C-alpha cells in the first residue's frame, strides 16, 4: 500500500507494525531522554557555544582569557562555565589564583564537530 504525505501529515491512517517494532527497540528510556534533552538545553545558548568553540581551539584557557576573547565580564563567563561544568562539558583546575578550563573529554569535540557539520552541509 502506498502512503502519501502532504502538509506534514499522512492522508490515510496506515501503520507499519514491523517498522514500529524495530524503531521501538531503539527508543530511549525516560531518564536517558531527559538527560539528553538537558544536555541539548545547555548547548542551546550562543554564549556557551562560543565558549566551547574557544576551548576546542585551545586546550585550556583561564577565565580572564575567555572573558577577553568573548568581550564579556568575568562574572558572566564564570556563570556560563558553571553551567557547562555541571553538564560535564568542561572541567577546571586552579593554578594559584587563576582558574583554567578545558573540555571535559573528546565527546564534547565530537558534539561540536557533528553540530557544525550538520548546519554547514547543503
PDB file of N, CA and C in Angstrom:
ATOM      1  N   UNK A   1       0.847  -1.172   0.000  1.00  0.00           N
ATOM      2  CA  UNK A   1       0.000   0.000   0.000  1.00  0.00           C
ATOM      3  C   UNK A   1       0.893   1.235   0.000  1.00  0.00           C
ATOM      4  N   UNK A   2       0.605   2.189  -0.839  1.00  0.00           N
ATOM      5  CA  UNK A   2       1.377   3.419  -0.917  1.00  0.00           C
ATOM      6  C   UNK A   2       0.758   4.463  -0.011  1.00  0.00           C
ATOM      7  N   UNK A   3       1.618   5.144   0.718  1.00  0.00           N
ATOM      8  CA  UNK A   3       1.164   6.176   1.640  1.00  0.00           C
ATOM      9  C   UNK A   3       1.633   7.520   1.101  1.00  0.00           C
ATOM     10  N   UNK A   4       0.721   8.463   1.007  1.00  0.00           N
ATOM     11  CA  UNK A   4       1.054   9.785   0.511  1.00  0.00           C
ATOM     12  C   UNK A   4       1.020  10.774   1.663  1.00  0.00           C
ATOM     13  N   UNK A   5       2.086  11.555   1.783  1.00  0.00           N
ATOM     14  CA  UNK A   5       2.142  12.553   2.850  1.00  0.00           C
ATOM     15  C   UNK A   5       2.182  13.941   2.236  1.00  0.00           C
ATOM     16  N   UNK A   6       1.272  14.793   2.673  1.00  0.00           N
ATOM     17  CA  UNK A   6       1.282  16.199   2.287  1.00  0.00           C
ATOM     18  C   UNK A   6       1.002  17.002   3.542  1.00  0.00           C
ATOM     19  N   UNK A   7       1.401  18.234   3.535  1.00  0.00           N
ATOM     20  CA  UNK A   7       1.166  19.101   4.687  1.00  0.00           C
ATOM     21  C   UNK A   7       1.614  18.456   5.993  1.00  0.00           C
ATOM     22  N   UNK A   8       2.707  17.721   5.954  1.00  0.00           N
ATOM     23  CA  UNK A   8       3.323  17.107   7.130  1.00  0.00           C
ATOM     24  C   UNK A   8       2.476  16.039   7.809  1.00  0.00           C
ATOM     25  N   UNK A   9       1.401  15.609   7.186  1.00  0.00           N
ATOM     26  CA  UNK A   9       0.583  14.555   7.773  1.00  0.00           C
ATOM     27  C   UNK A   9       0.197  13.555   6.697  1.00  0.00           C
ATOM     28  N   UNK A  10       0.060  12.291   7.097  1.00  0.00           N
ATOM     29  CA  UNK A  10      -0.395  11.268   6.165  1.00  0.00           C
ATOM     30  C   UNK A  10      -1.856  11.524   5.818  1.00  0.00           C
ATOM     31  N   UNK A  11      -2.192  11.253   4.583  1.00  0.00           N
ATOM     32  CA  UNK A  11      -3.583  11.434   4.160  1.00  0.00           C
ATOM     33  C   UNK A  11      -4.440  10.237   4.532  1.00  0.00           C
ATOM     34  N   UNK A  12      -3.804   9.127   4.867  1.00  0.00           N
ATOM     35  CA  UNK A  12      -4.526   7.941   5.339  1.00  0.00           C
ATOM     36  C   UNK A  12      -3.873   7.465   6.621  1.00  0.00           C
ATOM     37  N   UNK A  13      -4.595   6.707   7.419  1.00  0.00           N
ATOM     38  CA  UNK A  13      -4.020   6.127   8.625  1.00  0.00           C
ATOM     39  C   UNK A  13      -3.669   4.680   8.313  1.00  0.00           C
ATOM     40  N   UNK A  14      -2.379   4.451   8.148  1.00  0.00           N
ATOM     41  CA  UNK A  14      -1.907   3.104   7.836  1.00  0.00           C
ATOM     42  C   UNK A  14      -0.564   2.917   8.518  1.00  0.00           C
ATOM     43  N   UNK A  15      -0.525   2.122   9.585  1.00  0.00           N
ATOM     44  CA  UNK A  15       0.729   1.907  10.313  1.00  0.00           C
ATOM     45  C   UNK A  15       1.505   0.760   9.684  1.00  0.00           C
ATOM     46  N   UNK A  16       2.766   0.690  10.030  1.00  0.00           N
ATOM     47  CA  UNK A  16       3.672  -0.346   9.544  1.00  0.00           C
ATOM     48  C   UNK A  16       4.240  -1.045  10.774  1.00  0.00           C
ATOM     49  N   UNK A  17       3.546  -2.079  11.274  1.00  0.00           N
ATOM     50  CA  UNK A  17       3.903  -2.706  12.550  1.00  0.00           C
ATOM     51  C   UNK A  17       5.367  -3.151  12.644  1.00  0.00           C
ATOM     52  N   UNK A  18       5.920  -3.690  11.586  1.00  0.00           N
ATOM     53  CA  UNK A  18       7.316  -4.131  11.621  1.00  0.00           C
ATOM     54  C   UNK A  18       8.274  -2.975  11.841  1.00  0.00           C
ATOM     55  N   UNK A  19       8.026  -1.862  11.162  1.00  0.00           N
ATOM     56  CA  UNK A  19       8.877  -0.679  11.328  1.00  0.00           C
ATOM     57  C   UNK A  19       8.734  -0.103  12.732  1.00  0.00           C
ATOM     58  N   UNK A  20       7.504  -0.076  13.230  1.00  0.00           N
ATOM     59  CA  UNK A  20       7.254   0.447  14.577  1.00  0.00           C
ATOM     60  C   UNK A  20       7.964  -0.428  15.607  1.00  0.00           C
ATOM     61  N   UNK A  21       7.858  -1.747  15.450  1.00  0.00           N
ATOM     62  CA  UNK A  21       8.503  -2.679  16.387  1.00  0.00           C
ATOM     63  C   UNK A  21      10.028  -2.467  16.373  1.00  0.00           C
ATOM     64  N   UNK A  22      10.618  -2.366  15.177  1.00  0.00           N
ATOM     65  CA  UNK A  22      12.069  -2.159  15.068  1.00  0.00           C
ATOM     66  C   UNK A  22      12.484  -0.811  15.672  1.00  0.00           C
ATOM     67  N   UNK A  23      11.694   0.218  15.415  1.00  0.00           N
ATOM     68  CA  UNK A  23      12.015   1.539  15.959  1.00  0.00           C
ATOM     69  C   UNK A  23      11.957   1.531  17.483  1.00  0.00           C
ATOM     70  N   UNK A  24      10.984   0.849  18.046  1.00  0.00           N
ATOM     71  CA  UNK A  24      10.814   0.806  19.496  1.00  0.00           C
ATOM     72  C   UNK A  24      11.988   0.120  20.196  1.00  0.00           C
ATOM     73  N   UNK A  25      12.708  -0.724  19.481  1.00  0.00           N
ATOM     74  CA  UNK A  25      13.888  -1.363  20.062  1.00  0.00           C
ATOM     75  C   UNK A  25      14.970  -0.333  20.385  1.00  0.00           C
ATOM     76  N   UNK A  26      14.909   0.820  19.720  1.00  0.00           N
ATOM     77  CA  UNK A  26      15.909   1.860  19.902  1.00  0.00           C
ATOM     78  C   UNK A  26      15.375   3.070  20.676  1.00  0.00           C
ATOM     79  N   UNK A  27      14.153   2.972  21.162  1.00  0.00           N
ATOM     80  CA  UNK A  27      13.570   4.083  21.915  1.00  0.00           C
ATOM     81  C   UNK A  27      14.331   4.279  23.215  1.00  0.00           C
ATOM     82  N   UNK A  28      14.616   5.529  23.524  1.00  0.00           N
ATOM     83  CA  UNK A  28      15.324   5.842  24.763  1.00  0.00           C
ATOM     84  C   UNK A  28      14.372   5.784  25.953  1.00  0.00           C
ATOM     85  N   UNK A  29      14.884   5.334  27.087  1.00  0.00           N
ATOM     86  CA  UNK A  29      14.059   5.341  28.295  1.00  0.00           C
ATOM     87  C   UNK A  29      13.898   6.783  28.776  1.00  0.00           C
ATOM     88  N   UNK A  30      12.975   6.993  29.690  1.00  0.00           N
ATOM     89  CA  UNK A  30      12.647   8.343  30.148  1.00  0.00           C
ATOM     90  C   UNK A  30      13.842   9.068  30.756  1.00  0.00           C
ATOM     91  N   UNK A  31      14.624   8.380  31.585  1.00  0.00           N
ATOM     92  CA  UNK A  31      15.764   9.022  32.233  1.00  0.00           C
ATOM     93  C   UNK A  31      16.809   9.447  31.195  1.00  0.00           C
ATOM     94  N   UNK A  32      17.121   8.569  30.272  1.00  0.00           N
ATOM     95  CA  UNK A  32      18.118   8.879  29.252  1.00  0.00           C
ATOM     96  C   UNK A  32      17.646  10.010  28.350  1.00  0.00           C
ATOM     97  N   UNK A  33      16.387   9.981  27.936  1.00  0.00           N
ATOM     98  CA  UNK A  33      15.888  11.043  27.062  1.00  0.00           C
ATOM     99  C   UNK A  33      15.860  12.385  27.790  1.00  0.00           C
ATOM    100  N   UNK A  34      15.563  12.375  29.082  1.00  0.00           N
ATOM    101  CA  UNK A  34      15.585  13.613  29.870  1.00  0.00           C
ATOM    102  C   UNK A  34      17.005  14.161  29.971  1.00  0.00           C
ATOM    103  N   UNK A  35      17.974  13.292  30.254  1.00  0.00           N
ATOM    104  CA  UNK A  35      19.368  13.726  30.365  1.00  0.00           C
ATOM    105  C   UNK A  35      19.882  14.272  29.035  1.00  0.00           C
ATOM    106  N   UNK A  36      19.507  13.642  27.938  1.00  0.00           N
ATOM    107  CA  UNK A  36      19.929  14.130  26.623  1.00  0.00           C
ATOM    108  C   UNK A  36      19.282  15.470  26.308  1.00  0.00           C
ATOM    109  N   UNK A  37      18.011  15.625  26.651  1.00  0.00           N
ATOM    110  CA  UNK A  37      17.327  16.903  26.436  1.00  0.00           C
ATOM    111  C   UNK A  37      17.982  18.010  27.258  1.00  0.00           C
ATOM    112  N   UNK A  38      18.375  17.698  28.491  1.00  0.00           N
ATOM    113  CA  UNK A  38      19.063  18.677  29.332  1.00  0.00           C
ATOM    114  C   UNK A  38      20.406  19.077  28.729  1.00  0.00           C
ATOM    115  N   UNK A  39      21.117  18.115  28.163  1.00  0.00           N
ATOM    116  CA  UNK A  39      22.390  18.423  27.511  1.00  0.00           C
ATOM    117  C   UNK A  39      22.175  19.378  26.344  1.00  0.00           C
ATOM    118  N   UNK A  40      21.174  19.102  25.524  1.00  0.00           N
ATOM    119  CA  UNK A  40      20.907  19.977  24.390  1.00  0.00           C
ATOM    120  C   UNK A  40      20.419  21.352  24.838  1.00  0.00           C
ATOM    121  N   UNK A  41      19.739  21.427  25.970  1.00  0.00           N
ATOM    122  CA  UNK A  41      19.351  22.736  26.515  1.00  0.00           C
ATOM    123  C   UNK A  41      20.587  23.556  26.856  1.00  0.00           C
ATOM    124  N   UNK A  42      21.555  22.909  27.491  1.00  0.00           N
ATOM    125  CA  UNK A  42      22.804  23.593  27.841  1.00  0.00           C
ATOM    126  C   UNK A  42      23.502  24.066  26.571  1.00  0.00           C
ATOM    127  N   UNK A  43      23.497  23.234  25.543  1.00  0.00           N
ATOM    128  CA  UNK A  43      24.148  23.592  24.280  1.00  0.00           C
ATOM    129  C   UNK A  43      23.331  24.599  23.477  1.00  0.00           C
ATOM    130  N   UNK A  44      22.124  24.882  23.906  1.00  0.00           N
ATOM    131  CA  UNK A  44      21.236  25.786  23.187  1.00  0.00           C
ATOM    132  C   UNK A  44      21.447  27.256  23.505  1.00  0.00           C
ATOM    133  N   UNK A  45      22.622  27.620  23.956  1.00  0.00           N
ATOM    134  CA  UNK A  45      22.927  29.004  24.299  1.00  0.00           C
ATOM    135  C   UNK A  45      24.127  29.463  23.474  1.00  0.00           C
ATOM    136  N   UNK A  46      23.981  30.570  22.768  1.00  0.00           N
ATOM    137  CA  UNK A  46      25.025  31.064  21.867  1.00  0.00           C
ATOM    138  C   UNK A  46      26.337  31.343  22.602  1.00  0.00           C
ATOM    139  N   UNK A  47      26.263  31.937  23.775  1.00  0.00           N
ATOM    140  CA  UNK A  47      27.487  32.240  24.530  1.00  0.00           C
ATOM    141  C   UNK A  47      28.219  30.954  24.905  1.00  0.00           C
ATOM    142  N   UNK A  48      27.472  29.953  25.371  1.00  0.00           N
ATOM    143  CA  UNK A  48      28.118  28.696  25.747  1.00  0.00           C
ATOM    144  C   UNK A  48      28.729  28.005  24.531  1.00  0.00           C
ATOM    145  N   UNK A  49      28.077  28.097  23.377  1.00  0.00           N
ATOM    146  CA  UNK A  49      28.635  27.516  22.150  1.00  0.00           C
ATOM    147  C   UNK A  49      29.933  28.234  21.778  1.00  0.00           C
ATOM    148  N   UNK A  50      29.932  29.557  21.846  1.00  0.00           N
ATOM    149  CA  UNK A  50      31.152  30.315  21.546  1.00  0.00           C
ATOM    150  C   UNK A  50      32.263  29.961  22.519  1.00  0.00           C
ATOM    151  N   UNK A  51      31.911  29.835  23.774  1.00  0.00           N
ATOM    152  CA  UNK A  51      32.881  29.481  24.796  1.00  0.00           C
ATOM    153  C   UNK A  51      33.485  28.106  24.513  1.00  0.00           C
ATOM    154  N   UNK A  52      32.636  27.139  24.195  1.00  0.00           N
ATOM    155  CA  UNK A  52      33.132  25.800  23.873  1.00  0.00           C
ATOM    156  C   UNK A  52      34.018  25.825  22.632  1.00  0.00           C
ATOM    157  N   UNK A  53      33.661  26.662  21.652  1.00  0.00           N
ATOM    158  CA  UNK A  53      34.474  26.719  20.431  1.00  0.00           C
ATOM    159  C   UNK A  53      35.877  27.242  20.742  1.00  0.00           C
ATOM    160  N   UNK A  54      35.989  28.147  21.711  1.00  0.00           N
ATOM    161  CA  UNK A  54      37.316  28.599  22.139  1.00  0.00           C
ATOM    162  C   UNK A  54      38.121  27.452  22.732  1.00  0.00           C
ATOM    163  N   UNK A  55      37.452  26.629  23.523  1.00  0.00           N
ATOM    164  CA  UNK A  55      38.142  25.516  24.170  1.00  0.00           C
ATOM    165  C   UNK A  55      38.429  24.372  23.213  1.00  0.00           C
ATOM    166  N   UNK A  56      37.701  24.299  22.102  1.00  0.00           N
ATOM    167  CA  UNK A  56      38.053  23.340  21.060  1.00  0.00           C
ATOM    168  C   UNK A  56      39.352  23.786  20.390  1.00  0.00           C
ATOM    169  N   UNK A  57      39.471  25.097  20.179  1.00  0.00           N
ATOM    170  CA  UNK A  57      40.653  25.651  19.510  1.00  0.00           C
ATOM    171  C   UNK A  57      41.891  25.612  20.404  1.00  0.00           C
ATOM    172  N   UNK A  58      41.714  25.877  21.677  1.00  0.00           N
ATOM    173  CA  UNK A  58      42.816  25.881  22.643  1.00  0.00           C
ATOM    174  C   UNK A  58      42.530  24.805  23.683  1.00  0.00           C
ATOM    175  N   UNK A  59      43.537  24.077  24.066  1.00  0.00           N
ATOM    176  CA  UNK A  59      43.327  23.001  25.039  1.00  0.00           C
ATOM    177  C   UNK A  59      42.817  23.508  26.380  1.00  0.00           C
ATOM    178  N   UNK A  60      43.269  24.700  26.753  1.00  0.00           N
ATOM    179  CA  UNK A  60      42.947  25.220  28.077  1.00  0.00           C
ATOM    180  C   UNK A  60      43.059  26.736  28.055  1.00  0.00           C
ATOM    181  N   UNK A  61      42.111  27.374  28.731  1.00  0.00           N
ATOM    182  CA  UNK A  61      42.138  28.834  28.853  1.00  0.00           C
ATOM    183  C   UNK A  61      41.717  29.220  30.264  1.00  0.00           C
ATOM    184  N   UNK A  62      42.272  30.332  30.749  1.00  0.00           N
ATOM    185  CA  UNK A  62      41.820  30.827  32.056  1.00  0.00           C
ATOM    186  C   UNK A  62      40.572  31.690  31.837  1.00  0.00           C
ATOM    187  N   UNK A  63      39.848  31.903  32.898  1.00  0.00           N
ATOM    188  CA  UNK A  63      38.602  32.668  32.828  1.00  0.00           C
ATOM    189  C   UNK A  63      38.862  34.059  32.254  1.00  0.00           C
ATOM    190  N   UNK A  64      39.975  34.673  32.625  1.00  0.00           N
ATOM    191  CA  UNK A  64      40.308  36.020  32.111  1.00  0.00           C
ATOM    192  C   UNK A  64      40.443  35.998  30.588  1.00  0.00           C
ATOM    193  N   UNK A  65      41.111  34.982  30.062  1.00  0.00           N
ATOM    194  CA  UNK A  65      41.303  34.878  28.610  1.00  0.00           C
ATOM    195  C   UNK A  65      39.972  34.667  27.890  1.00  0.00           C
ATOM    196  N   UNK A  66      39.131  33.829  28.456  1.00  0.00           N
ATOM    197  CA  UNK A  66      37.820  33.567  27.843  1.00  0.00           C
ATOM    198  C   UNK A  66      36.988  34.847  27.846  1.00  0.00           C
ATOM    199  N   UNK A  67      36.965  35.545  28.970  1.00  0.00           N
ATOM    200  CA  UNK A  67      36.208  36.797  29.077  1.00  0.00           C
ATOM    201  C   UNK A  67      36.716  37.813  28.063  1.00  0.00           C
ATOM    202  N   UNK A  68      38.026  37.910  27.918  1.00  0.00           N
ATOM    203  CA  UNK A  68      38.615  38.850  26.962  1.00  0.00           C
ATOM    204  C   UNK A  68      38.246  38.467  25.527  1.00  0.00           C
ATOM    205  N   UNK A  69      38.343  37.196  25.208  1.00  0.00           N
ATOM    206  CA  UNK A  69      38.044  36.736  23.854  1.00  0.00           C
ATOM    207  C   UNK A  69      36.581  36.966  23.478  1.00  0.00           C
ATOM    208  N   UNK A  70      35.681  36.806  24.446  1.00  0.00           N
ATOM    209  CA  UNK A  70      34.249  36.955  24.178  1.00  0.00           C
ATOM    210  C   UNK A  70      33.726  38.359  24.506  1.00  0.00           C
ATOM    211  N   UNK A  71      34.623  39.251  24.954  1.00  0.00           N
ATOM    212  CA  UNK A  71      34.249  40.630  25.295  1.00  0.00           C
ATOM    213  C   UNK A  71      33.117  40.657  26.326  1.00  0.00           C
ATOM    214  N   UNK A  72      33.316  39.871  27.378  1.00  0.00           N
ATOM    215  CA  UNK A  72      32.323  39.779  28.449  1.00  0.00           C
ATOM    216  C   UNK A  72      33.021  39.922  29.798  1.00  0.00           C
ATOM    217  N   UNK A  73      32.216  40.182  30.813  1.00  0.00           N
ATOM    218  CA  UNK A  73      32.727  40.268  32.174  1.00  0.00           C
ATOM    219  C   UNK A  73      33.059  38.867  32.693  1.00  0.00           C
ATOM    220  N   UNK A  74      34.076  38.801  33.557  1.00  0.00           N
ATOM    221  CA  UNK A  74      34.449  37.510  34.133  1.00  0.00           C
ATOM    222  C   UNK A  74      33.294  36.857  34.878  1.00  0.00           C
ATOM    223  N   UNK A  75      32.475  37.642  35.548  1.00  0.00           N
ATOM    224  CA  UNK A  75      31.364  37.070  36.310  1.00  0.00           C
ATOM    225  C   UNK A  75      30.366  36.374  35.391  1.00  0.00           C
ATOM    226  N   UNK A  76      30.112  36.970  34.231  1.00  0.00           N
ATOM    227  CA  UNK A  76      29.192  36.342  33.266  1.00  0.00           C
ATOM    228  C   UNK A  76      29.794  35.062  32.701  1.00  0.00           C
ATOM    229  N   UNK A  77      31.081  35.096  32.419  1.00  0.00           N
ATOM    230  CA  UNK A  77      31.769  33.906  31.912  1.00  0.00           C
ATOM    231  C   UNK A  77      31.782  32.818  32.974  1.00  0.00           C
ATOM    232  N   UNK A  78      32.048  33.209  34.200  1.00  0.00           N
ATOM    233  CA  UNK A  78      32.076  32.252  35.300  1.00  0.00           C
ATOM    234  C   UNK A  78      30.739  31.533  35.440  1.00  0.00           C
ATOM    235  N   UNK A  79      29.649  32.278  35.297  1.00  0.00           N
ATOM    236  CA  UNK A  79      28.316  31.673  35.369  1.00  0.00           C
ATOM    237  C   UNK A  79      28.132  30.642  34.250  1.00  0.00           C
ATOM    238  N   UNK A  80      28.511  30.999  33.028  1.00  0.00           N
ATOM    239  CA  UNK A  80      28.362  30.081  31.897  1.00  0.00           C
ATOM    240  C   UNK A  80      29.249  28.844  32.074  1.00  0.00           C
ATOM    241  N   UNK A  81      30.447  29.046  32.586  1.00  0.00           N
ATOM    242  CA  UNK A  81      31.345  27.918  32.825  1.00  0.00           C
ATOM    243  C   UNK A  81      30.778  26.980  33.886  1.00  0.00           C
ATOM    244  N   UNK A  82      30.114  27.544  34.881  1.00  0.00           N
ATOM    245  CA  UNK A  82      29.493  26.714  35.924  1.00  0.00           C
ATOM    246  C   UNK A  82      28.404  25.834  35.313  1.00  0.00           C
ATOM    247  N   UNK A  83      27.605  26.408  34.417  1.00  0.00           N
ATOM    248  CA  UNK A  83      26.559  25.624  33.737  1.00  0.00           C
ATOM    249  C   UNK A  83      27.197  24.504  32.924  1.00  0.00           C
ATOM    250  N   UNK A  84      28.245  24.826  32.186  1.00  0.00           N
ATOM    251  CA  UNK A  84      28.934  23.820  31.373  1.00  0.00           C
ATOM    252  C   UNK A  84      29.605  22.754  32.244  1.00  0.00           C
ATOM    253  N   UNK A  85      30.143  23.168  33.373  1.00  0.00           N
ATOM    254  CA  UNK A  85      30.777  22.206  34.284  1.00  0.00           C
ATOM    255  C   UNK A  85      29.736  21.271  34.886  1.00  0.00           C
ATOM    256  N   UNK A  86      28.580  21.813  35.264  1.00  0.00           N
ATOM    257  CA  UNK A  86      27.515  20.972  35.816  1.00  0.00           C
ATOM    258  C   UNK A  86      27.008  19.957  34.808  1.00  0.00           C
ATOM    259  N   UNK A  87      27.110  20.288  33.522  1.00  0.00           N
ATOM    260  CA  UNK A  87      26.701  19.365  32.458  1.00  0.00           C
ATOM    261  C   UNK A  87      27.851  18.449  32.036  1.00  0.00           C
ATOM    262  N   UNK A  88      28.962  18.541  32.739  1.00  0.00           N
ATOM    263  CA  UNK A  88      30.158  17.737  32.468  1.00  0.00           C
ATOM    264  C   UNK A  88      30.706  17.961  31.055  1.00  0.00           C
ATOM    265  N   UNK A  89      30.606  19.197  30.590  1.00  0.00           N
ATOM    266  CA  UNK A  89      31.159  19.549  29.281  1.00  0.00           C
ATOM    267  C   UNK A  89      32.543  20.170  29.412  1.00  0.00           C
ATOM    268  N   UNK A  90      32.809  20.814  30.542  1.00  0.00           N
ATOM    269  CA  UNK A  90      34.135  21.378  30.808  1.00  0.00           C
ATOM    270  C   UNK A  90      34.580  20.957  32.203  1.00  0.00           C
ATOM    271  N   UNK A  91      35.886  21.073  32.407  1.00  0.00           N
ATOM    272  CA  UNK A  91      36.461  20.832  33.729  1.00  0.00           C
ATOM    273  C   UNK A  91      37.429  21.966  34.015  1.00  0.00           C
ATOM    274  N   UNK A  92      37.781  22.137  35.272  1.00  0.00           N
ATOM    275  CA  UNK A  92      38.696  23.226  35.595  1.00  0.00           C
ATOM    276  C   UNK A  92      39.744  22.779  36.588  1.00  0.00           C
ATOM    277  N   UNK A  93      40.793  23.570  36.622  1.00  0.00           N
ATOM    278  CA  UNK A  93      41.842  23.376  37.613  1.00  0.00           C
ATOM    279  C   UNK A  93      42.299  24.751  38.074  1.00  0.00           C
ATOM    280  N   UNK A  94      42.725  24.826  39.300  1.00  0.00           N
ATOM    281  CA  UNK A  94      43.256  26.079  39.846  1.00  0.00           C
ATOM    282  C   UNK A  94      44.772  26.027  39.791  1.00  0.00           C
ATOM    283  N   UNK A  95      45.352  27.151  39.428  1.00  0.00           N
ATOM    284  CA  UNK A  95      46.801  27.316  39.474  1.00  0.00           C
ATOM    285  C   UNK A  95      47.042  28.640  40.184  1.00  0.00           C
ATOM    286  N   UNK A  96      47.291  28.554  41.475  1.00  0.00           N
ATOM    287  CA  UNK A  96      47.388  29.761  42.278  1.00  0.00           C
ATOM    288  C   UNK A  96      46.030  30.442  42.346  1.00  0.00           C
ATOM    289  N   UNK A  97      45.974  31.680  41.855  1.00  0.00           N
ATOM    290  CA  UNK A  97      44.712  32.426  41.878  1.00  0.00           C
ATOM    291  C   UNK A  97      43.984  32.379  40.540  1.00  0.00           C
ATOM    292  N   UNK A  98      44.508  31.618  39.591  1.00  0.00           N
ATOM    293  CA  UNK A  98      43.878  31.526  38.275  1.00  0.00           C
ATOM    294  C   UNK A  98      43.092  30.223  38.152  1.00  0.00           C
ATOM    295  N   UNK A  99      41.965  30.298  37.445  1.00  0.00           N
ATOM    296  CA  UNK A  99      41.150  29.123  37.159  1.00  0.00           C
ATOM    297  C   UNK A  99      41.231  28.833  35.665  1.00  0.00           C
ATOM    298  N   UNK A 100      41.702  27.657  35.315  1.00  0.00           N
ATOM    299  CA  UNK A 100      41.849  27.245  33.925  1.00  0.00           C
ATOM    300  C   UNK A 100      40.782  26.216  33.581  1.00  0.00           C
ATOM    301  N   UNK A 101      40.196  26.393  32.403  1.00  0.00           N
ATOM    302  CA  UNK A 101      39.147  25.491  31.941  1.00  0.00           C
ATOM    303  C   UNK A 101      39.582  24.780  30.676  1.00  0.00           C
ATOM    304  N   UNK A 102      39.094  23.548  30.535  1.00  0.00           N
ATOM    305  CA  UNK A 102      39.321  22.756  29.328  1.00  0.00           C
ATOM    306  C   UNK A 102      38.073  21.906  29.094  1.00  0.00           C
ATOM    307  N   UNK A 103      37.993  21.320  27.919  1.00  0.00           N
ATOM    308  CA  UNK A 103      36.870  20.435  27.623  1.00  0.00           C
ATOM    309  C   UNK A 103      36.969  19.196  28.493  1.00  0.00           C
ATOM    310  N   UNK A 104      35.837  18.671  28.893  1.00  0.00           N
ATOM    311  CA  UNK A 104      35.834  17.520  29.784  1.00  0.00           C
ATOM    312  C   UNK A 104      36.408  16.276  29.116  1.00  0.00           C
ATOM    313  N   UNK A 105      36.059  16.073  27.850  1.00  0.00           N
ATOM    314  CA  UNK A 105      36.587  14.912  27.124  1.00  0.00           C
ATOM    315  C   UNK A 105      36.374  15.096  25.621  1.00  0.00           C
ATOM    316  N   UNK A 106      36.801  14.107  24.848  1.00  0.00           N
ATOM    317  CA  UNK A 106      36.702  14.191  23.389  1.00  0.00           C
ATOM    318  C   UNK A 106      35.259  14.170  22.880  1.00  0.00           C
ATOM    319  N   UNK A 107      34.311  13.710  23.693  1.00  0.00           N
ATOM    320  CA  UNK A 107      32.911  13.707  23.269  1.00  0.00           C
ATOM    321  C   UNK A 107      32.423  15.118  22.973  1.00  0.00           C
ATOM    322  N   UNK A 108      32.917  16.089  23.717  1.00  0.00           N
ATOM    323  CA  UNK A 108      32.493  17.474  23.525  1.00  0.00           C
ATOM    324  C   UNK A 108      32.965  17.969  22.155  1.00  0.00           C
ATOM    325  N   UNK A 109      34.185  17.613  21.791  1.00  0.00           N
ATOM    326  CA  UNK A 109      34.697  17.974  20.459  1.00  0.00           C
ATOM    327  C   UNK A 109      33.823  17.339  19.384  1.00  0.00           C
ATOM    328  N   UNK A 110      33.477  16.079  19.564  1.00  0.00           N
ATOM    329  CA  UNK A 110      32.630  15.384  18.587  1.00  0.00           C
ATOM    330  C   UNK A 110      31.254  16.031  18.484  1.00  0.00           C
ATOM    331  N   UNK A 111      30.678  16.429  19.625  1.00  0.00           N
ATOM    332  CA  UNK A 111      29.382  17.120  19.609  1.00  0.00           C
ATOM    333  C   UNK A 111      29.473  18.401  18.787  1.00  0.00           C
ATOM    334  N   UNK A 112      30.520  19.171  19.026  1.00  0.00           N
ATOM    335  CA  UNK A 112      30.704  20.436  18.306  1.00  0.00           C
ATOM    336  C   UNK A 112      30.931  20.181  16.818  1.00  0.00           C
ATOM    337  N   UNK A 113      31.792  19.219  16.486  1.00  0.00           N
ATOM    338  CA  UNK A 113      32.081  18.920  15.082  1.00  0.00           C
ATOM    339  C   UNK A 113      30.840  18.424  14.348  1.00  0.00           C
ATOM    340  N   UNK A 114      30.088  17.522  14.977  1.00  0.00           N
ATOM    341  CA  UNK A 114      28.878  16.997  14.351  1.00  0.00           C
ATOM    342  C   UNK A 114      27.831  18.088  14.155  1.00  0.00           C
ATOM    343  N   UNK A 115      27.682  18.947  15.154  1.00  0.00           N
ATOM    344  CA  UNK A 115      26.734  20.047  15.042  1.00  0.00           C
ATOM    345  C   UNK A 115      27.115  20.987  13.912  1.00  0.00           C
ATOM    346  N   UNK A 116      28.394  21.343  13.823  1.00  0.00           N
ATOM    347  CA  UNK A 116      28.857  22.204  12.748  1.00  0.00           C
ATOM    348  C   UNK A 116      28.673  21.565  11.387  1.00  0.00           C
ATOM    349  N   UNK A 117      29.023  20.283  11.311  1.00  0.00           N
ATOM    350  CA  UNK A 117      28.859  19.567  10.041  1.00  0.00           C
ATOM    351  C   UNK A 117      27.395  19.584   9.607  1.00  0.00           C
ATOM    352  N   UNK A 118      26.509  19.390  10.548  1.00  0.00           N
ATOM    353  CA  UNK A 118      25.077  19.360  10.226  1.00  0.00           C
ATOM    354  C   UNK A 118      24.591  20.715   9.696  1.00  0.00           C
ATOM    355  N   UNK A 119      24.969  21.804  10.368  1.00  0.00           N
ATOM    356  CA  UNK A 119      24.446  23.110   9.941  1.00  0.00           C
ATOM    357  C   UNK A 119      25.120  23.631   8.687  1.00  0.00           C
ATOM    358  N   UNK A 120      26.338  23.158   8.399  1.00  0.00           N
ATOM    359  CA  UNK A 120      27.063  23.675   7.238  1.00  0.00           C
ATOM    360  C   UNK A 120      26.853  22.874   5.967  1.00  0.00           C
ATOM    361  N   UNK A 121      26.332  21.665   6.056  1.00  0.00           N
ATOM    362  CA  UNK A 121      26.164  20.885   4.819  1.00  0.00           C
ATOM    363  C   UNK A 121      24.910  21.336   4.073  1.00  0.00           C
ATOM    364  N   UNK A 122      24.989  21.203   2.775  1.00  0.00           N
ATOM    365  CA  UNK A 122      23.851  21.522   1.913  1.00  0.00           C
ATOM    366  C   UNK A 122      23.358  22.901   2.069  1.00  0.00           C
TER     367      UNK A 122
END
